[in-house]
């Protein structure tokens, strides 16, 4: 029960941390608009490093382009895989603890 409570608190803090950059004084001053421009420009036929400057390695480009394929809001499309990966990691840890049995 204690672990479930800790997981709930952690999930709530994570959700708040994800939402904070999109309100108040931070609105418009975050990198997601830059990431979206990379994805949108690539989808419109521009070539990174030739037509526009990109300060990330080529392997990062799919992470910027894929959310541009999704409807708005872009930041949610960008965050959804990260949230899913965090949840899957947490589930794997819980499953690993259960299969290990009681600790001595």
Foldseek 3Di string as FASTA:
>chain_A
DVVVVVVVVVVVVVVCVLCVCCDDPNNPVDCLVVLQVLQVCVVVPDDEPPRDDDPDDPVCNVLSNVLNVDDDDSSCSSCVVVVVVVVVVVVVVVVVVVVVPDDD
